[in-house]
Amino acid sequence: MDALIHDADTAVGIRRRPDTRIAGFIARALDGADAVLNVDALTEELPFADGAFDGAMSLFGVHQWGDVAAGLREVRRVTRGPVVVVTCDPKLVRDFWLSAYAPEVLDIEARRHPPVEDIAAALGGASSVHTVPIPLDCTDAFNEAYYGRPELLLDPAARQAGSAWSFVDDGVRERFDESLRRDLASGAWDARYGHLRTRATYEGSLVIVRATT
């Protein structure tokens, strides 16, 4: 993405490795914006003038904000061009196969993410919601990135990159590990979900909310 990126804050904890194809999808949504504000975390006041940026984006961050609506209005204030929010649609989170093994994790995810309609309303202007195709060999480390590679989620480090796993107890993690290992060994997982192993992309709960003035 040929843009000048300004970080409103530095992400902490385990850093995920962005997928270049998803990054390209985001870049297209920014529509050639030159100076882009990247909002990872947010206080309710940004130290920038009105309309200071050509575009703005928040990647997997809004569910961690204290006041989502106020934060989005502030992002809109400092942005004269498109605002792009990458998030999960809470209505679709539980449709993933992980719900059969660790429903508590997806329940937490669904509760944490604000409705996409609320995000669009807070940003105002003309808005649209686009599903982001997740490639089979996605390099990022969120749950749906493993839609066709379930074995990788048996690695605790892979799960640790998804914050919802930190909100469940050891019993949930142990049950997930035991039941998934059993179903992989018996072929039960492949009988139900094996078609995902050869699907080039997966369209799940990952979406872009895009708003323009």
N, C-alpha and C. Protein backbone atom coordinates (compact mmCIF):
# COMPACT_ATOMS: atom_id res chain seq x y z
N MET A 1 0.86 -1.18 0.00
CA MET A 1 0.00 0.00 0.00
C MET A 1 0.89 1.23 0.00
N ASP A 2 0.81 2.02 -1.05
CA ASP A 2 1.63 3.22 -1.17
C ASP A 2 0.95 4.35 -0.42
N ALA A 3 1.20 4.40 0.87
CA ALA A 3 0.55 5.41 1.70
C ALA A 3 1.45 5.72 2.87
N LEU A 4 1.30 6.93 3.40
CA LEU A 4 2.02 7.33 4.61
C LEU A 4 1.15 6.94 5.79
N ILE A 5 1.63 5.98 6.60
CA ILE A 5 0.84 5.45 7.70
C ILE A 5 1.25 6.12 9.00
N HIS A 6 0.28 6.64 9.74
CA HIS A 6 0.52 7.21 11.06
C HIS A 6 -0.14 6.30 12.08
N ASP A 7 0.62 5.76 13.01
CA ASP A 7 0.07 4.89 14.04
C ASP A 7 -0.41 5.72 15.22
N ALA A 8 -1.68 5.58 15.57
CA ALA A 8 -2.22 6.28 16.73
C ALA A 8 -1.71 5.65 18.01
N ASP A 9 -1.34 4.39 17.95
CA ASP A 9 -0.80 3.71 19.11
C ASP A 9 -0.04 2.50 18.60
N THR A 10 0.82 1.93 19.43
CA THR A 10 1.57 0.74 19.05
C THR A 10 0.89 -0.47 19.65
N ALA A 11 0.62 -1.44 18.82
CA ALA A 11 -0.03 -2.66 19.32
C ALA A 11 0.90 -3.36 20.29
N VAL A 12 0.29 -3.97 21.31
CA VAL A 12 1.08 -4.69 22.31
C VAL A 12 0.75 -6.17 22.23
N GLY A 13 1.55 -6.96 22.94
CA GLY A 13 1.30 -8.39 22.95
C GLY A 13 1.87 -9.05 21.71
N ILE A 14 1.36 -10.23 21.43
CA ILE A 14 1.85 -11.00 20.28
C ILE A 14 1.46 -10.28 19.00
N ARG A 15 2.42 -10.13 18.13
CA ARG A 15 2.15 -9.46 16.87
C ARG A 15 1.78 -10.51 15.82
N ARG A 16 0.68 -10.25 15.13
CA ARG A 16 0.26 -11.15 14.08
C ARG A 16 0.93 -10.71 12.78
N ARG A 17 1.09 -11.63 11.88
CA ARG A 17 1.76 -11.37 10.63
C ARG A 17 0.72 -11.08 9.56
N PRO A 18 0.61 -9.83 9.11
CA PRO A 18 -0.44 -9.48 8.15
C PRO A 18 -0.34 -10.30 6.87
N ASP A 19 -1.49 -10.66 6.32
CA ASP A 19 -1.53 -11.37 5.05
C ASP A 19 -1.57 -10.36 3.92
N THR A 20 -0.70 -10.51 2.94
CA THR A 20 -0.59 -9.52 1.87
C THR A 20 -1.86 -9.43 1.03
N ARG A 21 -2.58 -10.53 0.90
CA ARG A 21 -3.80 -10.49 0.09
C ARG A 21 -4.93 -9.75 0.81
N ILE A 22 -5.01 -9.95 2.10
CA ILE A 22 -5.99 -9.18 2.87
C ILE A 22 -5.58 -7.72 2.91
N ALA A 23 -4.26 -7.46 3.03
CA ALA A 23 -3.77 -6.08 2.99
C ALA A 23 -4.13 -5.41 1.67
N GLY A 24 -4.06 -6.15 0.58
CA GLY A 24 -4.45 -5.59 -0.71
C GLY A 24 -5.92 -5.24 -0.77
N PHE A 25 -6.74 -6.07 -0.14
CA PHE A 25 -8.18 -5.80 -0.07
C PHE A 25 -8.43 -4.50 0.68
N ILE A 26 -7.69 -4.31 1.76
CA ILE A 26 -7.82 -3.08 2.56
C ILE A 26 -7.34 -1.87 1.76
N ALA A 27 -6.22 -2.04 1.05
CA ALA A 27 -5.68 -0.93 0.26
C ALA A 27 -6.68 -0.48 -0.81
N ARG A 28 -7.35 -1.43 -1.43
CA ARG A 28 -8.35 -1.06 -2.44
C ARG A 28 -9.51 -0.31 -1.81
N ALA A 29 -9.88 -0.69 -0.59
CA ALA A 29 -10.96 0.00 0.09
C ALA A 29 -10.57 1.44 0.44
N LEU A 30 -9.27 1.68 0.66
CA LEU A 30 -8.79 3.04 0.95
C LEU A 30 -8.71 3.90 -0.30
N ASP A 31 -8.82 3.27 -1.46
CA ASP A 31 -9.00 3.99 -2.72
C ASP A 31 -7.90 5.02 -3.00
N GLY A 32 -6.66 4.61 -2.81
CA GLY A 32 -5.54 5.47 -3.19
C GLY A 32 -5.23 6.59 -2.21
N ALA A 33 -5.78 6.54 -1.01
CA ALA A 33 -5.49 7.58 -0.02
C ALA A 33 -3.99 7.61 0.27
N ASP A 34 -3.42 8.82 0.36
CA ASP A 34 -1.97 8.96 0.56
C ASP A 34 -1.60 8.95 2.05
N ALA A 35 -2.12 9.87 2.81
CA ALA A 35 -1.82 9.95 4.25
C ALA A 35 -2.93 9.22 4.99
N VAL A 36 -2.59 8.07 5.60
CA VAL A 36 -3.60 7.20 6.21
C VAL A 36 -3.31 7.07 7.70
N LEU A 37 -4.32 7.30 8.52
CA LEU A 37 -4.22 7.11 9.96
C LEU A 37 -4.56 5.66 10.29
N ASN A 38 -3.64 4.97 10.98
CA ASN A 38 -3.87 3.60 11.40
C ASN A 38 -4.18 3.61 12.90
N VAL A 39 -5.42 3.34 13.25
CA VAL A 39 -5.86 3.43 14.65
C VAL A 39 -5.92 2.03 15.23
N ASP A 40 -4.92 1.65 16.05
CA ASP A 40 -4.92 0.34 16.71
C ASP A 40 -5.62 0.40 18.05
N ALA A 41 -5.35 1.44 18.81
CA ALA A 41 -6.03 1.66 20.09
C ALA A 41 -6.39 3.14 20.13
N LEU A 42 -7.28 3.51 21.03
CA LEU A 42 -7.82 4.86 20.91
C LEU A 42 -8.18 5.45 22.26
N THR A 43 -7.72 6.69 22.46
CA THR A 43 -8.33 7.51 23.48
C THR A 43 -9.49 8.20 22.77
N GLU A 44 -10.29 8.91 23.47
CA GLU A 44 -11.46 9.49 22.83
C GLU A 44 -11.18 10.85 22.20
N GLU A 45 -9.90 11.23 22.19
CA GLU A 45 -9.51 12.44 21.49
C GLU A 45 -8.23 12.17 20.72
N LEU A 46 -8.24 12.40 19.43
CA LEU A 46 -7.04 12.24 18.62
C LEU A 46 -6.37 13.59 18.44
N PRO A 47 -5.04 13.65 18.53
CA PRO A 47 -4.33 14.93 18.50
C PRO A 47 -4.08 15.43 17.08
N PHE A 48 -5.15 15.47 16.28
CA PHE A 48 -5.03 15.89 14.89
C PHE A 48 -6.16 16.86 14.55
N ALA A 49 -5.89 17.69 13.56
CA ALA A 49 -6.89 18.66 13.13
C ALA A 49 -8.00 17.99 12.33
N ASP A 50 -9.12 18.67 12.22
CA ASP A 50 -10.22 18.16 11.40
C ASP A 50 -9.72 17.90 9.98
N GLY A 51 -10.10 16.75 9.44
CA GLY A 51 -9.75 16.44 8.06
C GLY A 51 -8.27 16.34 7.77
N ALA A 52 -7.49 15.96 8.77
CA ALA A 52 -6.03 15.94 8.60
C ALA A 52 -5.56 14.80 7.68
N PHE A 53 -6.35 13.75 7.52
CA PHE A 53 -5.90 12.57 6.78
C PHE A 53 -6.78 12.29 5.56
N ASP A 54 -6.14 11.72 4.55
CA ASP A 54 -6.87 11.31 3.35
C ASP A 54 -7.73 10.09 3.62
N GLY A 55 -7.30 9.24 4.53
CA GLY A 55 -8.03 8.03 4.86
C GLY A 55 -7.65 7.56 6.25
N ALA A 56 -8.41 6.63 6.78
CA ALA A 56 -8.12 6.06 8.09
C ALA A 56 -8.55 4.61 8.10
N MET A 57 -7.88 3.83 8.94
CA MET A 57 -8.26 2.42 9.06
C MET A 57 -8.06 1.96 10.50
N SER A 58 -8.86 0.98 10.88
CA SER A 58 -8.69 0.29 12.15
C SER A 58 -8.78 -1.19 11.85
N LEU A 59 -7.74 -1.93 12.22
CA LEU A 59 -7.65 -3.34 11.89
C LEU A 59 -7.80 -4.19 13.14
N PHE A 60 -8.92 -4.86 13.27
CA PHE A 60 -9.19 -5.74 14.43
C PHE A 60 -9.05 -4.98 15.74
N GLY A 61 -9.47 -3.72 15.79
CA GLY A 61 -9.25 -2.94 16.99
C GLY A 61 -10.48 -2.41 17.68
N VAL A 62 -11.57 -2.17 16.95
CA VAL A 62 -12.69 -1.42 17.54
C VAL A 62 -13.32 -2.15 18.73
N HIS A 63 -13.25 -3.47 18.76
CA HIS A 63 -13.87 -4.20 19.87
C HIS A 63 -13.13 -3.99 21.18
N GLN A 64 -11.95 -3.37 21.11
CA GLN A 64 -11.17 -3.11 22.33
C GLN A 64 -11.35 -1.68 22.82
N TRP A 65 -12.08 -0.86 22.11
CA TRP A 65 -12.26 0.53 22.50
C TRP A 65 -13.30 0.64 23.61
N GLY A 66 -13.10 1.60 24.50
CA GLY A 66 -14.06 1.80 25.58
C GLY A 66 -15.39 2.33 25.09
N ASP A 67 -15.37 3.31 24.21
CA ASP A 67 -16.59 3.90 23.66
C ASP A 67 -16.45 3.88 22.14
N VAL A 68 -16.99 2.83 21.53
CA VAL A 68 -16.80 2.63 20.09
C VAL A 68 -17.39 3.78 19.27
N ALA A 69 -18.61 4.18 19.59
CA ALA A 69 -19.26 5.23 18.81
C ALA A 69 -18.48 6.53 18.88
N ALA A 70 -18.06 6.92 20.09
CA ALA A 70 -17.30 8.16 20.25
C ALA A 70 -15.96 8.08 19.51
N GLY A 71 -15.32 6.92 19.60
CA GLY A 71 -14.05 6.74 18.92
C GLY A 71 -14.18 6.84 17.42
N LEU A 72 -15.21 6.23 16.87
CA LEU A 72 -15.41 6.28 15.42
C LEU A 72 -15.75 7.69 14.95
N ARG A 73 -16.52 8.40 15.74
CA ARG A 73 -16.82 9.79 15.38
C ARG A 73 -15.55 10.62 15.36
N GLU A 74 -14.64 10.34 16.29
CA GLU A 74 -13.37 11.06 16.33
C GLU A 74 -12.50 10.72 15.11
N VAL A 75 -12.49 9.45 14.73
CA VAL A 75 -11.77 9.06 13.51
C VAL A 75 -12.36 9.76 12.29
N ARG A 76 -13.67 9.79 12.24
CA ARG A 76 -14.34 10.48 11.12
C ARG A 76 -13.97 11.96 11.09
N ARG A 77 -13.87 12.57 12.25
CA ARG A 77 -13.56 14.01 12.32
C ARG A 77 -12.22 14.32 11.67
N VAL A 78 -11.23 13.47 11.89
CA VAL A 78 -9.88 13.79 11.41
C VAL A 78 -9.62 13.24 10.01
N THR A 79 -10.64 12.64 9.40
CA THR A 79 -10.45 12.00 8.09
C THR A 79 -11.38 12.59 7.06
N ARG A 80 -10.82 13.06 5.97
CA ARG A 80 -11.64 13.65 4.91
C ARG A 80 -12.04 12.64 3.84
N GLY A 81 -11.35 11.51 3.81
CA GLY A 81 -11.63 10.48 2.81
C GLY A 81 -12.24 9.24 3.45
N PRO A 82 -12.02 8.07 2.85
CA PRO A 82 -12.64 6.85 3.37
C PRO A 82 -12.08 6.40 4.71
N VAL A 83 -12.97 5.89 5.55
CA VAL A 83 -12.59 5.23 6.79
C VAL A 83 -12.90 3.74 6.60
N VAL A 84 -11.90 2.91 6.87
CA VAL A 84 -12.02 1.47 6.67
C VAL A 84 -11.83 0.77 8.01
N VAL A 85 -12.83 0.01 8.42
CA VAL A 85 -12.77 -0.72 9.68
C VAL A 85 -12.82 -2.21 9.37
N VAL A 86 -11.74 -2.91 9.71
CA VAL A 86 -11.71 -4.37 9.57
C VAL A 86 -12.13 -4.96 10.91
N THR A 87 -13.18 -5.76 10.87
CA THR A 87 -13.75 -6.29 12.11
C THR A 87 -14.42 -7.62 11.81
N CYS A 88 -15.07 -8.18 12.81
CA CYS A 88 -15.86 -9.40 12.62
C CYS A 88 -17.33 -9.07 12.80
N ASP A 89 -18.15 -9.60 11.94
CA ASP A 89 -19.59 -9.43 12.08
C ASP A 89 -20.07 -10.40 13.15
N PRO A 90 -20.52 -9.89 14.30
CA PRO A 90 -20.88 -10.80 15.40
C PRO A 90 -22.01 -11.76 15.05
N LYS A 91 -22.82 -11.41 14.05
CA LYS A 91 -23.90 -12.30 13.65
C LYS A 91 -23.40 -13.55 12.93
N LEU A 92 -22.15 -13.51 12.45
CA LEU A 92 -21.60 -14.61 11.66
C LEU A 92 -20.51 -15.39 12.40
N VAL A 93 -20.06 -14.88 13.52
CA VAL A 93 -18.92 -15.48 14.23
C VAL A 93 -19.16 -16.95 14.57
N ARG A 94 -20.35 -17.28 15.03
CA ARG A 94 -20.61 -18.64 15.51
C ARG A 94 -20.81 -19.64 14.38
N ASP A 95 -20.78 -19.20 13.13
CA ASP A 95 -20.98 -20.11 12.00
C ASP A 95 -19.73 -20.91 11.66
N PHE A 96 -18.63 -20.64 12.33
CA PHE A 96 -17.37 -21.30 12.06
C PHE A 96 -17.31 -22.67 12.74
N TRP A 97 -16.56 -23.63 12.14
CA TRP A 97 -16.51 -24.98 12.70
C TRP A 97 -15.99 -25.04 14.14
N LEU A 98 -15.25 -24.03 14.54
CA LEU A 98 -14.73 -24.01 15.91
C LEU A 98 -15.85 -24.06 16.96
N SER A 99 -17.05 -23.66 16.56
CA SER A 99 -18.17 -23.67 17.52
C SER A 99 -18.50 -25.08 18.00
N ALA A 100 -18.12 -26.09 17.22
CA ALA A 100 -18.38 -27.46 17.64
C ALA A 100 -17.38 -27.95 18.68
N TYR A 101 -16.28 -27.22 18.86
CA TYR A 101 -15.21 -27.65 19.75
C TYR A 101 -14.95 -26.69 20.92
N ALA A 102 -15.13 -25.41 20.67
CA ALA A 102 -14.92 -24.42 21.74
C ALA A 102 -15.95 -23.31 21.58
N PRO A 103 -17.23 -23.62 21.79
CA PRO A 103 -18.27 -22.60 21.61
C PRO A 103 -18.08 -21.39 22.50
N GLU A 104 -17.45 -21.59 23.66
CA GLU A 104 -17.24 -20.46 24.57
C GLU A 104 -16.38 -19.38 23.94
N VAL A 105 -15.39 -19.81 23.15
CA VAL A 105 -14.49 -18.84 22.49
C VAL A 105 -15.26 -17.98 21.51
N LEU A 106 -16.12 -18.60 20.71
CA LEU A 106 -16.86 -17.84 19.72
C LEU A 106 -17.98 -17.03 20.36
N ASP A 107 -18.52 -17.51 21.47
CA ASP A 107 -19.49 -16.70 22.21
C ASP A 107 -18.85 -15.40 22.68
N ILE A 108 -17.63 -15.50 23.17
CA ILE A 108 -16.90 -14.31 23.62
C ILE A 108 -16.64 -13.39 22.44
N GLU A 109 -16.19 -13.96 21.32
CA GLU A 109 -15.95 -13.15 20.12
C GLU A 109 -17.22 -12.41 19.70
N ALA A 110 -18.32 -13.12 19.66
CA ALA A 110 -19.57 -12.51 19.21
C ALA A 110 -20.01 -11.38 20.13
N ARG A 111 -19.79 -11.54 21.43
CA ARG A 111 -20.19 -10.50 22.38
C ARG A 111 -19.27 -9.28 22.31
N ARG A 112 -18.01 -9.50 21.99
CA ARG A 112 -17.04 -8.40 22.02
C ARG A 112 -17.15 -7.48 20.81
N HIS A 113 -17.48 -8.02 19.65
CA HIS A 113 -17.48 -7.21 18.43
C HIS A 113 -18.79 -6.43 18.30
N PRO A 114 -18.69 -5.13 18.06
CA PRO A 114 -19.92 -4.34 17.88
C PRO A 114 -20.61 -4.68 16.58
N PRO A 115 -21.93 -4.54 16.53
CA PRO A 115 -22.65 -4.79 15.28
C PRO A 115 -22.13 -3.89 14.16
N VAL A 116 -22.03 -4.44 12.97
CA VAL A 116 -21.51 -3.64 11.86
C VAL A 116 -22.42 -2.46 11.56
N GLU A 117 -23.72 -2.62 11.84
CA GLU A 117 -24.65 -1.51 11.62
C GLU A 117 -24.32 -0.33 12.54
N ASP A 118 -23.89 -0.62 13.76
CA ASP A 118 -23.53 0.43 14.71
C ASP A 118 -22.26 1.14 14.27
N ILE A 119 -21.31 0.38 13.73
CA ILE A 119 -20.08 0.99 13.22
C ILE A 119 -20.40 1.95 12.08
N ALA A 120 -21.20 1.50 11.15
CA ALA A 120 -21.56 2.34 10.01
C ALA A 120 -22.31 3.59 10.46
N ALA A 121 -23.22 3.43 11.41
CA ALA A 121 -24.00 4.57 11.88
C ALA A 121 -23.11 5.61 12.55
N ALA A 122 -22.14 5.16 13.34
CA ALA A 122 -21.25 6.09 14.03
C ALA A 122 -20.36 6.85 13.05
N LEU A 123 -19.96 6.21 11.96
CA LEU A 123 -19.11 6.87 10.98
C LEU A 123 -19.90 7.84 10.11
N GLY A 124 -21.18 7.56 9.92
CA GLY A 124 -22.01 8.45 9.12
C GLY A 124 -21.65 8.38 7.65
N GLY A 125 -22.29 9.25 6.85
CA GLY A 125 -22.01 9.29 5.43
C GLY A 125 -22.51 8.05 4.72
N ALA A 126 -21.91 7.77 3.58
CA ALA A 126 -22.27 6.59 2.80
C ALA A 126 -21.41 5.43 3.24
N SER A 127 -22.04 4.32 3.59
CA SER A 127 -21.27 3.17 4.11
C SER A 127 -21.64 1.90 3.37
N SER A 128 -20.72 0.95 3.43
CA SER A 128 -20.95 -0.36 2.83
C SER A 128 -20.18 -1.39 3.64
N VAL A 129 -20.63 -2.65 3.56
CA VAL A 129 -19.99 -3.74 4.27
C VAL A 129 -19.58 -4.79 3.25
N HIS A 130 -18.31 -5.21 3.30
CA HIS A 130 -17.78 -6.17 2.34
C HIS A 130 -17.15 -7.34 3.09
N THR A 131 -17.51 -8.56 2.72
CA THR A 131 -16.87 -9.74 3.28
C THR A 131 -15.45 -9.84 2.73
N VAL A 132 -14.50 -10.14 3.60
CA VAL A 132 -13.10 -10.27 3.20
C VAL A 132 -12.78 -11.74 2.98
N PRO A 133 -12.42 -12.15 1.76
CA PRO A 133 -12.05 -13.55 1.53
C PRO A 133 -10.74 -13.89 2.26
N ILE A 134 -10.75 -14.97 3.00
CA ILE A 134 -9.57 -15.42 3.74
C ILE A 134 -8.91 -16.53 2.94
N PRO A 135 -7.64 -16.35 2.54
CA PRO A 135 -6.97 -17.40 1.75
C PRO A 135 -6.62 -18.63 2.59
N LEU A 136 -6.57 -19.76 1.93
CA LEU A 136 -6.30 -21.02 2.62
C LEU A 136 -4.98 -21.01 3.37
N ASP A 137 -3.97 -20.36 2.79
CA ASP A 137 -2.66 -20.29 3.45
C ASP A 137 -2.43 -18.94 4.10
N CYS A 138 -3.49 -18.37 4.65
CA CYS A 138 -3.42 -17.06 5.30
C CYS A 138 -2.29 -17.03 6.33
N THR A 139 -1.51 -15.96 6.31
CA THR A 139 -0.37 -15.85 7.22
C THR A 139 -0.74 -15.20 8.55
N ASP A 140 -1.93 -14.60 8.63
CA ASP A 140 -2.34 -13.98 9.88
C ASP A 140 -2.80 -15.07 10.84
N ALA A 141 -2.94 -14.71 12.11
CA ALA A 141 -3.17 -15.73 13.14
C ALA A 141 -4.46 -15.49 13.89
N PHE A 142 -5.57 -15.43 13.18
CA PHE A 142 -6.88 -15.36 13.83
C PHE A 142 -7.60 -16.68 13.56
N ASN A 143 -8.65 -16.97 14.32
CA ASN A 143 -9.25 -18.30 14.29
C ASN A 143 -9.64 -18.77 12.89
N GLU A 144 -10.33 -17.91 12.13
CA GLU A 144 -10.83 -18.33 10.82
C GLU A 144 -9.71 -18.51 9.80
N ALA A 145 -8.51 -18.01 10.10
CA ALA A 145 -7.38 -18.22 9.20
C ALA A 145 -7.02 -19.70 9.09
N TYR A 146 -7.50 -20.50 10.04
CA TYR A 146 -7.20 -21.93 10.06
C TYR A 146 -8.40 -22.75 9.60
N TYR A 147 -9.26 -22.15 8.80
CA TYR A 147 -10.50 -22.84 8.42
C TYR A 147 -10.23 -24.19 7.75
N GLY A 148 -9.16 -24.30 6.97
CA GLY A 148 -8.85 -25.56 6.31
C GLY A 148 -7.59 -26.22 6.82
N ARG A 149 -7.07 -25.73 7.95
CA ARG A 149 -5.84 -26.28 8.55
C ARG A 149 -6.05 -26.45 10.05
N PRO A 150 -6.98 -27.29 10.44
CA PRO A 150 -7.35 -27.38 11.86
C PRO A 150 -6.21 -27.81 12.76
N GLU A 151 -5.28 -28.60 12.23
CA GLU A 151 -4.16 -29.08 13.05
C GLU A 151 -3.35 -27.93 13.65
N LEU A 152 -3.28 -26.83 12.93
CA LEU A 152 -2.47 -25.71 13.41
C LEU A 152 -3.05 -25.07 14.67
N LEU A 153 -4.35 -25.16 14.85
CA LEU A 153 -4.96 -24.59 16.05
C LEU A 153 -4.70 -25.44 17.30
N LEU A 154 -4.11 -26.60 17.12
CA LEU A 154 -3.71 -27.39 18.27
C LEU A 154 -2.46 -26.82 18.94
N ASP A 155 -1.77 -25.94 18.25
CA ASP A 155 -0.60 -25.27 18.80
C ASP A 155 -1.06 -24.14 19.71
N PRO A 156 -0.75 -24.18 21.00
CA PRO A 156 -1.18 -23.12 21.92
C PRO A 156 -0.74 -21.73 21.47
N ALA A 157 0.41 -21.64 20.81
CA ALA A 157 0.89 -20.33 20.35
C ALA A 157 -0.03 -19.76 19.28
N ALA A 158 -0.59 -20.61 18.43
CA ALA A 158 -1.53 -20.15 17.41
C ALA A 158 -2.80 -19.62 18.06
N ARG A 159 -3.26 -20.32 19.08
CA ARG A 159 -4.48 -19.86 19.77
C ARG A 159 -4.22 -18.59 20.56
N GLN A 160 -3.03 -18.46 21.12
CA GLN A 160 -2.71 -17.30 21.95
C GLN A 160 -2.80 -16.00 21.17
N ALA A 161 -2.60 -16.07 19.85
CA ALA A 161 -2.68 -14.86 19.04
C ALA A 161 -4.12 -14.34 18.93
N GLY A 162 -5.09 -15.17 19.23
CA GLY A 162 -6.49 -14.75 19.24
C GLY A 162 -6.91 -14.41 20.66
N SER A 163 -7.26 -13.17 20.90
CA SER A 163 -7.47 -12.70 22.27
C SER A 163 -8.60 -13.40 23.00
N ALA A 164 -9.60 -13.91 22.28
CA ALA A 164 -10.74 -14.54 22.96
C ALA A 164 -10.31 -15.77 23.75
N TRP A 165 -9.24 -16.45 23.30
CA TRP A 165 -8.78 -17.63 24.02
C TRP A 165 -8.27 -17.28 25.42
N SER A 166 -7.86 -16.05 25.62
CA SER A 166 -7.35 -15.67 26.94
C SER A 166 -8.48 -15.47 27.95
N PHE A 167 -9.72 -15.46 27.49
CA PHE A 167 -10.87 -15.25 28.37
C PHE A 167 -11.54 -16.55 28.80
N VAL A 168 -11.04 -17.68 28.32
CA VAL A 168 -11.62 -18.96 28.73
C VAL A 168 -10.64 -19.69 29.65
N ASP A 169 -11.16 -20.63 30.42
CA ASP A 169 -10.30 -21.31 31.39
C ASP A 169 -9.59 -22.51 30.76
N ASP A 170 -8.71 -23.10 31.55
CA ASP A 170 -7.91 -24.23 31.05
C ASP A 170 -8.79 -25.41 30.65
N GLY A 171 -9.92 -25.56 31.32
CA GLY A 171 -10.81 -26.67 30.99
C GLY A 171 -11.34 -26.58 29.57
N VAL A 172 -11.67 -25.38 29.14
CA VAL A 172 -12.15 -25.18 27.76
C VAL A 172 -11.05 -25.51 26.77
N ARG A 173 -9.85 -25.02 27.06
CA ARG A 173 -8.73 -25.28 26.14
C ARG A 173 -8.39 -26.76 26.08
N GLU A 174 -8.42 -27.43 27.23
CA GLU A 174 -8.10 -28.86 27.26
C GLU A 174 -9.17 -29.67 26.53
N ARG A 175 -10.43 -29.31 26.73
CA ARG A 175 -11.51 -30.04 26.03
C ARG A 175 -11.41 -29.85 24.53
N PHE A 176 -11.09 -28.60 24.11
CA PHE A 176 -10.91 -28.33 22.68
C PHE A 176 -9.80 -29.20 22.11
N ASP A 177 -8.66 -29.22 22.79
CA ASP A 177 -7.50 -29.97 22.31
C ASP A 177 -7.82 -31.45 22.20
N GLU A 178 -8.43 -32.00 23.23
CA GLU A 178 -8.73 -33.43 23.24
C GLU A 178 -9.75 -33.81 22.17
N SER A 179 -10.82 -33.02 22.05
CA SER A 179 -11.88 -33.37 21.11
C SER A 179 -11.43 -33.18 19.66
N LEU A 180 -10.67 -32.13 19.38
CA LEU A 180 -10.21 -31.94 18.01
C LEU A 180 -9.20 -33.01 17.63
N ARG A 181 -8.27 -33.33 18.53
CA ARG A 181 -7.31 -34.40 18.24
C ARG A 181 -8.03 -35.72 17.97
N ARG A 182 -9.02 -36.00 18.76
CA ARG A 182 -9.77 -37.25 18.58
C ARG A 182 -10.47 -37.29 17.21
N ASP A 183 -11.11 -36.17 16.84
CA ASP A 183 -11.85 -36.14 15.58
C ASP A 183 -10.92 -36.13 14.37
N LEU A 184 -9.74 -35.54 14.52
CA LEU A 184 -8.78 -35.58 13.42
C LEU A 184 -8.24 -37.01 13.24
N ALA A 185 -7.98 -37.66 14.34
CA ALA A 185 -7.45 -39.02 14.27
C ALA A 185 -8.48 -40.01 13.71
N SER A 186 -9.73 -39.82 14.07
CA SER A 186 -10.78 -40.74 13.62
C SER A 186 -11.32 -40.42 12.23
N GLY A 187 -11.02 -39.21 11.76
CA GLY A 187 -11.56 -38.79 10.46
C GLY A 187 -12.89 -38.06 10.57
N ALA A 188 -13.39 -37.89 11.80
CA ALA A 188 -14.69 -37.25 11.98
C ALA A 188 -14.66 -35.78 11.53
N TRP A 189 -13.54 -35.09 11.83
CA TRP A 189 -13.46 -33.68 11.39
C TRP A 189 -13.51 -33.61 9.88
N ASP A 190 -12.76 -34.45 9.20
CA ASP A 190 -12.73 -34.40 7.74
C ASP A 190 -14.06 -34.81 7.14
N ALA A 191 -14.77 -35.71 7.79
CA ALA A 191 -16.08 -36.11 7.28
C ALA A 191 -17.05 -34.94 7.27
N ARG A 192 -16.91 -34.05 8.26
CA ARG A 192 -17.83 -32.92 8.37
C ARG A 192 -17.32 -31.67 7.66
N TYR A 193 -16.02 -31.45 7.76
CA TYR A 193 -15.47 -30.17 7.29
C TYR A 193 -14.32 -30.32 6.30
N GLY A 194 -14.02 -31.52 5.88
CA GLY A 194 -12.86 -31.75 5.05
C GLY A 194 -12.86 -30.98 3.73
N HIS A 195 -14.04 -30.62 3.23
CA HIS A 195 -14.11 -29.85 1.99
C HIS A 195 -13.40 -28.51 2.11
N LEU A 196 -13.22 -28.03 3.36
CA LEU A 196 -12.55 -26.74 3.55
C LEU A 196 -11.06 -26.82 3.26
N ARG A 197 -10.50 -28.01 3.30
CA ARG A 197 -9.06 -28.15 3.09
C ARG A 197 -8.63 -27.75 1.68
N THR A 198 -9.53 -27.81 0.74
CA THR A 198 -9.19 -27.48 -0.65
C THR A 198 -9.89 -26.22 -1.14
N ARG A 199 -10.60 -25.55 -0.26
CA ARG A 199 -11.26 -24.30 -0.67
C ARG A 199 -10.23 -23.18 -0.69
N ALA A 200 -10.08 -22.52 -1.83
CA ALA A 200 -9.04 -21.49 -1.99
C ALA A 200 -9.22 -20.33 -1.03
N THR A 201 -10.45 -19.94 -0.79
CA THR A 201 -10.74 -18.86 0.16
C THR A 201 -11.98 -19.23 0.97
N TYR A 202 -12.12 -18.54 2.08
CA TYR A 202 -13.24 -18.77 2.98
C TYR A 202 -13.87 -17.43 3.31
N GLU A 203 -15.17 -17.35 3.19
CA GLU A 203 -15.89 -16.13 3.53
C GLU A 203 -16.67 -16.39 4.81
N GLY A 204 -16.15 -15.83 5.89
CA GLY A 204 -16.76 -16.03 7.19
C GLY A 204 -17.22 -14.72 7.80
N SER A 205 -16.77 -14.46 9.02
CA SER A 205 -17.24 -13.26 9.73
C SER A 205 -16.34 -12.04 9.49
N LEU A 206 -15.20 -12.22 8.84
CA LEU A 206 -14.28 -11.11 8.61
C LEU A 206 -14.84 -10.16 7.57
N VAL A 207 -15.02 -8.90 7.95
CA VAL A 207 -15.63 -7.92 7.05
C VAL A 207 -14.88 -6.59 7.12
N ILE A 208 -15.10 -5.80 6.08
CA ILE A 208 -14.67 -4.40 6.06
C ILE A 208 -15.91 -3.52 6.07
N VAL A 209 -15.96 -2.62 7.01
CA VAL A 209 -16.97 -1.57 6.99
C VAL A 209 -16.29 -0.32 6.42
N ARG A 210 -16.79 0.18 5.32
CA ARG A 210 -16.17 1.32 4.63
C ARG A 210 -17.17 2.47 4.60
N ALA A 211 -16.69 3.64 5.01
CA ALA A 211 -17.57 4.80 5.05
C ALA A 211 -16.86 5.99 4.39
N THR A 212 -17.63 6.72 3.60
CA THR A 212 -17.12 7.95 2.99
C THR A 212 -18.05 9.08 3.35
N THR A 213 -17.54 10.30 3.26
CA THR A 213 -18.37 11.46 3.62
C THR A 213 -19.38 11.77 2.54
